[in-house]
Structures are given as structure tokens and as C-alpha cells.
Amino acid sequence: MKYLNKEEFEKVNMFGIGVPNIDYAKYFIGDSFLNFLVKPGETPIFLANVTFEPGCRNNWHKHLSKSGGGQMLICTAGEGWLVLEGQEPQELKEGSIGIIPPNTKHWHGAKKDSWFSHISVEVPGEKTSNEWLEPVEDEYYNSLKG
């Protein structure tokens, strides 16, 4: 379900918006928020609820790994996009899951007309890191229908 109204969105965003995603703001167009569900470094899996305001998306990026790795997105509220390079855009709606293989260029974020929240699950692997790339072009983003 789409939510343009932040107060209505917050009623259904069961894991909470969290705090402004200041440390990674340079890799996002628009405002995003981060709510850690486990303390980073205390478990082998990174798990956080990431929230995007309408129109917000992250830059193209890769989750690099020698073996294993990658990322899973579990949509918890609102509607958004997941785009793997060379593939059709995938709509993410409440309850849907996006799978991002390791070393795959991709981006994800909210639709233009909805707040969006997903749980980010970083899949454990060997020699993992993130490589941040260029922003998603406005013309391309604005052409997405859904």
C-alpha cells in the first residue's frame, strides 16, 4: 500500500523509522532513516530497518564478496523499487522480498508517491565490502511506472 502521509506510514512501519541516516546520506538522493535491529558487530548478520521518504533512493552500488555475501530486502511498509543492472525494475510491496546476489550492481528506494521501509539483511560472506557508485539518474527514476 502506498503512503504519502508520514503519520499514516508510521502507524504501519512496525520496526520504526529510527534516526536520520547521516553517515550514508552522501549515497542517497532524498532522506533516509536507519533503525538497527541488532547491534552491528554483535552478530554475524547485519539487520536493520531502512526507511526512505517518497522519491528517496540510494546510489547504484555493489555488495562485494569473494564468496557468499549479497543482500536480502524484506519490504515491511509502503512501496519501493529494487533494480538489478540489466534487469527489469522489481516493485517491492509489503511482504515482498528482493534478493541481490553478491557483486551485482543495483539500487533500491521508495517510489515517488510512497514512503518505503525494508529490512536489510547483509548475507555473511568472505571478504565482503560495499562499493558505492553513481547516483540513479532522475530521468530514469522518474520514468518508472508503478
C-alpha atoms as a PDB file:
ATOM      1  CA  MET A   1       0.000   0.000   0.000  1.00  0.00           C
ATOM      2  CA  LYS A   2       1.266   3.474  -0.825  1.00  0.00           C
ATOM      3  CA  TYR A   3       1.679   6.105   1.884  1.00  0.00           C
ATOM      4  CA  LEU A   4       2.332   9.757   1.102  1.00  0.00           C
ATOM      5  CA  ASN A   5       1.343  10.851   4.604  1.00  0.00           C
ATOM      6  CA  LYS A   6       4.227  10.251   7.061  1.00  0.00           C
ATOM      7  CA  GLU A   7       1.946   9.901  10.092  1.00  0.00           C
ATOM      8  CA  GLU A   8      -0.134   7.203   8.391  1.00  0.00           C
ATOM      9  CA  PHE A   9       3.037   5.430   7.274  1.00  0.00           C
ATOM     10  CA  GLU A  10       4.474   5.453  10.808  1.00  0.00           C
ATOM     11  CA  LYS A  11       1.357   3.625  12.073  1.00  0.00           C
ATOM     12  CA  VAL A  12       2.184   0.615   9.874  1.00  0.00           C
ATOM     13  CA  ASN A  13       6.001   0.767   9.924  1.00  0.00           C
ATOM     14  CA  MET A  14       6.288  -1.902  12.629  1.00  0.00           C
ATOM     15  CA  PHE A  15      10.065  -1.613  13.122  1.00  0.00           C
ATOM     16  CA  GLY A  16      10.119   2.165  13.353  1.00  0.00           C
ATOM     17  CA  ILE A  17      11.847   4.818  11.291  1.00  0.00           C
ATOM     18  CA  GLY A  18      14.842   5.172  13.578  1.00  0.00           C
ATOM     19  CA  VAL A  19      17.303   8.023  13.146  1.00  0.00           C
ATOM     20  CA  PRO A  20      18.375  10.050  10.091  1.00  0.00           C
ATOM     21  CA  ASN A  21      20.895   8.075   8.030  1.00  0.00           C
ATOM     22  CA  ILE A  22      23.522  10.830   8.253  1.00  0.00           C
ATOM     23  CA  ASP A  23      26.622   8.644   7.810  1.00  0.00           C
ATOM     24  CA  TYR A  24      25.455   7.411   4.404  1.00  0.00           C
ATOM     25  CA  ALA A  25      23.480  10.484   3.263  1.00  0.00           C
ATOM     26  CA  LYS A  26      26.025  11.204   0.525  1.00  0.00           C
ATOM     27  CA  TYR A  27      24.991   7.933  -1.156  1.00  0.00           C
ATOM     28  CA  PHE A  28      21.261   8.791  -1.206  1.00  0.00           C
ATOM     29  CA  ILE A  29      19.025  11.180  -3.116  1.00  0.00           C
ATOM     30  CA  GLY A  30      16.491  12.336  -0.521  1.00  0.00           C
ATOM     31  CA  ASP A  31      16.238  11.493   3.157  1.00  0.00           C
ATOM     32  CA  SER A  32      16.598   8.007   4.583  1.00  0.00           C
ATOM     33  CA  PHE A  33      16.457   6.675   8.130  1.00  0.00           C
ATOM     34  CA  LEU A  34      18.107   3.738   9.869  1.00  0.00           C
ATOM     35  CA  ASN A  35      16.895   1.587  12.761  1.00  0.00           C
ATOM     36  CA  PHE A  36      19.351  -1.161  13.720  1.00  0.00           C
ATOM     37  CA  LEU A  37      17.527  -4.350  14.712  1.00  0.00           C
ATOM     38  CA  VAL A  38      20.722  -5.938  16.056  1.00  0.00           C
ATOM     39  CA  LYS A  39      23.884  -4.166  17.150  1.00  0.00           C
ATOM     40  CA  PRO A  40      26.400  -4.124  14.304  1.00  0.00           C
ATOM     41  CA  GLY A  41      29.289  -6.450  15.071  1.00  0.00           C
ATOM     42  CA  GLU A  42      27.446  -8.403  17.786  1.00  0.00           C
ATOM     43  CA  THR A  43      26.006 -10.947  15.354  1.00  0.00           C
ATOM     44  CA  PRO A  44      27.297 -12.393  12.069  1.00  0.00           C
ATOM     45  CA  ILE A  45      24.332 -10.829  10.204  1.00  0.00           C
ATOM     46  CA  PHE A  46      23.690  -7.114   9.681  1.00  0.00           C
ATOM     47  CA  LEU A  47      19.995  -6.460  10.203  1.00  0.00           C
ATOM     48  CA  ALA A  48      18.418  -3.002  10.035  1.00  0.00           C
ATOM     49  CA  ASN A  49      15.145  -1.373   9.078  1.00  0.00           C
ATOM     50  CA  VAL A  50      15.850   1.243   6.403  1.00  0.00           C
ATOM     51  CA  THR A  51      13.180   3.851   5.648  1.00  0.00           C
ATOM     52  CA  PHE A  52      13.033   6.108   2.585  1.00  0.00           C
ATOM     53  CA  GLU A  53      10.892   9.216   2.164  1.00  0.00           C
ATOM     54  CA  PRO A  54       8.925   9.392  -1.114  1.00  0.00           C
ATOM     55  CA  GLY A  55      11.342   9.745  -4.038  1.00  0.00           C
ATOM     56  CA  CYS A  56      14.397   8.750  -1.974  1.00  0.00           C
ATOM     57  CA  ARG A  57      16.755   6.141  -3.363  1.00  0.00           C
ATOM     58  CA  ASN A  58      20.321   5.073  -2.848  1.00  0.00           C
ATOM     59  CA  ASN A  59      23.076   5.246  -5.450  1.00  0.00           C
ATOM     60  CA  TRP A  60      23.968   2.309  -7.610  1.00  0.00           C
ATOM     61  CA  HIS A  61      26.195   0.050  -5.528  1.00  0.00           C
ATOM     62  CA  LYS A  62      27.558  -3.473  -5.124  1.00  0.00           C
ATOM     63  CA  HIS A  63      27.927  -5.790  -2.142  1.00  0.00           C
ATOM     64  CA  LEU A  64      31.319  -7.253  -2.961  1.00  0.00           C
ATOM     65  CA  SER A  65      32.313 -10.693  -1.727  1.00  0.00           C
ATOM     66  CA  LYS A  66      34.944 -13.314  -2.517  1.00  0.00           C
ATOM     67  CA  SER A  67      32.372 -15.995  -1.605  1.00  0.00           C
ATOM     68  CA  GLY A  68      28.892 -15.891  -0.087  1.00  0.00           C
ATOM     69  CA  GLY A  69      27.574 -12.411   0.591  1.00  0.00           C
ATOM     70  CA  GLY A  70      24.913 -10.364  -1.131  1.00  0.00           C
ATOM     71  CA  GLN A  71      21.824  -8.796   0.382  1.00  0.00           C
ATOM     72  CA  MET A  72      18.143  -9.526   1.005  1.00  0.00           C
ATOM     73  CA  LEU A  73      15.474  -6.841   1.321  1.00  0.00           C
ATOM     74  CA  ILE A  74      12.224  -7.611   3.148  1.00  0.00           C
ATOM     75  CA  CYS A  75       9.630  -4.912   2.483  1.00  0.00           C
ATOM     76  CA  THR A  76       7.774  -4.085   5.697  1.00  0.00           C
ATOM     77  CA  ALA A  77       5.778  -0.946   4.814  1.00  0.00           C
ATOM     78  CA  GLY A  78       4.959   1.219   1.810  1.00  0.00           C
ATOM     79  CA  GLU A  79       6.164   0.661  -1.741  1.00  0.00           C
ATOM     80  CA  GLY A  80       9.548   0.870  -3.419  1.00  0.00           C
ATOM     81  CA  TRP A  81      11.866  -0.315  -6.153  1.00  0.00           C
ATOM     82  CA  LEU A  82      14.753  -2.736  -6.489  1.00  0.00           C
ATOM     83  CA  VAL A  83      16.704  -2.561  -9.746  1.00  0.00           C
ATOM     84  CA  LEU A  84      19.487  -5.002 -10.622  1.00  0.00           C
ATOM     85  CA  GLU A  85      21.589  -3.757 -13.525  1.00  0.00           C
ATOM     86  CA  GLY A  86      20.341  -5.121 -16.853  1.00  0.00           C
ATOM     87  CA  GLN A  87      17.056  -6.399 -15.385  1.00  0.00           C
ATOM     88  CA  GLU A  88      13.518  -5.047 -15.224  1.00  0.00           C
ATOM     89  CA  PRO A  89      12.692  -2.974 -12.126  1.00  0.00           C
ATOM     90  CA  GLN A  90      11.154  -5.021  -9.317  1.00  0.00           C
ATOM     91  CA  GLU A  91       8.319  -3.469  -7.315  1.00  0.00           C
ATOM     92  CA  LEU A  92       8.640  -4.054  -3.593  1.00  0.00           C
ATOM     93  CA  LYS A  93       5.404  -4.019  -1.587  1.00  0.00           C
ATOM     94  CA  GLU A  94       4.648  -5.009   1.989  1.00  0.00           C
ATOM     95  CA  GLY A  95       5.675  -8.649   2.443  1.00  0.00           C
ATOM     96  CA  SER A  96       7.764  -8.938  -0.730  1.00  0.00           C
ATOM     97  CA  ILE A  97      11.422  -9.952  -0.757  1.00  0.00           C
ATOM     98  CA  GLY A  98      14.220  -8.796  -3.015  1.00  0.00           C
ATOM     99  CA  ILE A  99      17.343 -10.905  -3.487  1.00  0.00           C
ATOM    100  CA  ILE A 100      20.586  -9.203  -4.506  1.00  0.00           C
ATOM    101  CA  PRO A 101      23.374 -11.588  -5.494  1.00  0.00           C
ATOM    102  CA  PRO A 102      26.909 -10.639  -4.445  1.00  0.00           C
ATOM    103  CA  ASN A 103      28.932  -8.411  -6.790  1.00  0.00           C
ATOM    104  CA  THR A 104      25.755  -7.248  -8.591  1.00  0.00           C
ATOM    105  CA  LYS A 105      25.284  -3.564  -9.415  1.00  0.00           C
ATOM    106  CA  HIS A 106      21.901  -2.404  -8.117  1.00  0.00           C
ATOM    107  CA  TRP A 107      19.910   0.272  -6.299  1.00  0.00           C
ATOM    108  CA  HIS A 108      16.754   0.410  -4.192  1.00  0.00           C
ATOM    109  CA  GLY A 109      14.464   3.054  -2.780  1.00  0.00           C
ATOM    110  CA  ALA A 110      10.969   4.465  -2.424  1.00  0.00           C
ATOM    111  CA  LYS A 111       8.513   5.085  -5.192  1.00  0.00           C
ATOM    112  CA  LYS A 112       7.857   8.751  -5.988  1.00  0.00           C
ATOM    113  CA  ASP A 113       4.482   8.613  -4.265  1.00  0.00           C
ATOM    114  CA  SER A 114       5.116   6.490  -1.178  1.00  0.00           C
ATOM    115  CA  TRP A 115       7.173   6.156   1.958  1.00  0.00           C
ATOM    116  CA  PHE A 116       9.017   2.828   1.909  1.00  0.00           C
ATOM    117  CA  SER A 117      10.665   0.670   4.529  1.00  0.00           C
ATOM    118  CA  HIS A 118      12.610  -2.577   4.230  1.00  0.00           C
ATOM    119  CA  ILE A 119      14.683  -4.765   6.469  1.00  0.00           C
ATOM    120  CA  SER A 120      18.188  -5.003   5.063  1.00  0.00           C
ATOM    121  CA  VAL A 121      19.836  -8.373   5.615  1.00  0.00           C
ATOM    122  CA  GLU A 122      23.521  -8.474   4.698  1.00  0.00           C
ATOM    123  CA  VAL A 123      24.329 -12.088   3.844  1.00  0.00           C
ATOM    124  CA  PRO A 124      27.579 -13.236   5.501  1.00  0.00           C
ATOM    125  CA  GLY A 125      30.466 -13.965   3.182  1.00  0.00           C
ATOM    126  CA  GLU A 126      34.221 -13.915   2.816  1.00  0.00           C
ATOM    127  CA  LYS A 127      35.989 -10.581   2.285  1.00  0.00           C
ATOM    128  CA  THR A 128      32.763  -8.568   1.999  1.00  0.00           C
ATOM    129  CA  SER A 129      32.537  -4.823   1.426  1.00  0.00           C
ATOM    130  CA  ASN A 130      30.298  -2.253  -0.242  1.00  0.00           C
ATOM    131  CA  GLU A 131      31.253  -0.300  -3.330  1.00  0.00           C
ATOM    132  CA  TRP A 132      29.213   2.890  -3.779  1.00  0.00           C
ATOM    133  CA  LEU A 133      28.784   4.078  -7.355  1.00  0.00           C
ATOM    134  CA  GLU A 134      26.980   6.834  -9.268  1.00  0.00           C
ATOM    135  CA  PRO A 135      23.544   8.258  -8.377  1.00  0.00           C
ATOM    136  CA  VAL A 136      20.443   6.960 -10.141  1.00  0.00           C
ATOM    137  CA  GLU A 137      19.602   9.431 -12.910  1.00  0.00           C
ATOM    138  CA  ASP A 138      16.436  11.487 -12.261  1.00  0.00           C
ATOM    139  CA  GLU A 139      15.218  10.899 -15.824  1.00  0.00           C
ATOM    140  CA  TYR A 140      15.453   7.117 -15.411  1.00  0.00           C
ATOM    141  CA  TYR A 141      13.928   7.124 -11.908  1.00  0.00           C
ATOM    142  CA  ASN A 142      11.039   9.369 -12.987  1.00  0.00           C
ATOM    143  CA  SER A 143      10.287   7.044 -15.927  1.00  0.00           C
ATOM    144  CA  LEU A 144       9.474   4.103 -13.609  1.00  0.00           C
ATOM    145  CA  LYS A 145       5.766   3.257 -13.533  1.00  0.00           C
ATOM    146  CA  GLY A 146       4.029   1.510 -10.696  1.00  0.00           C
END
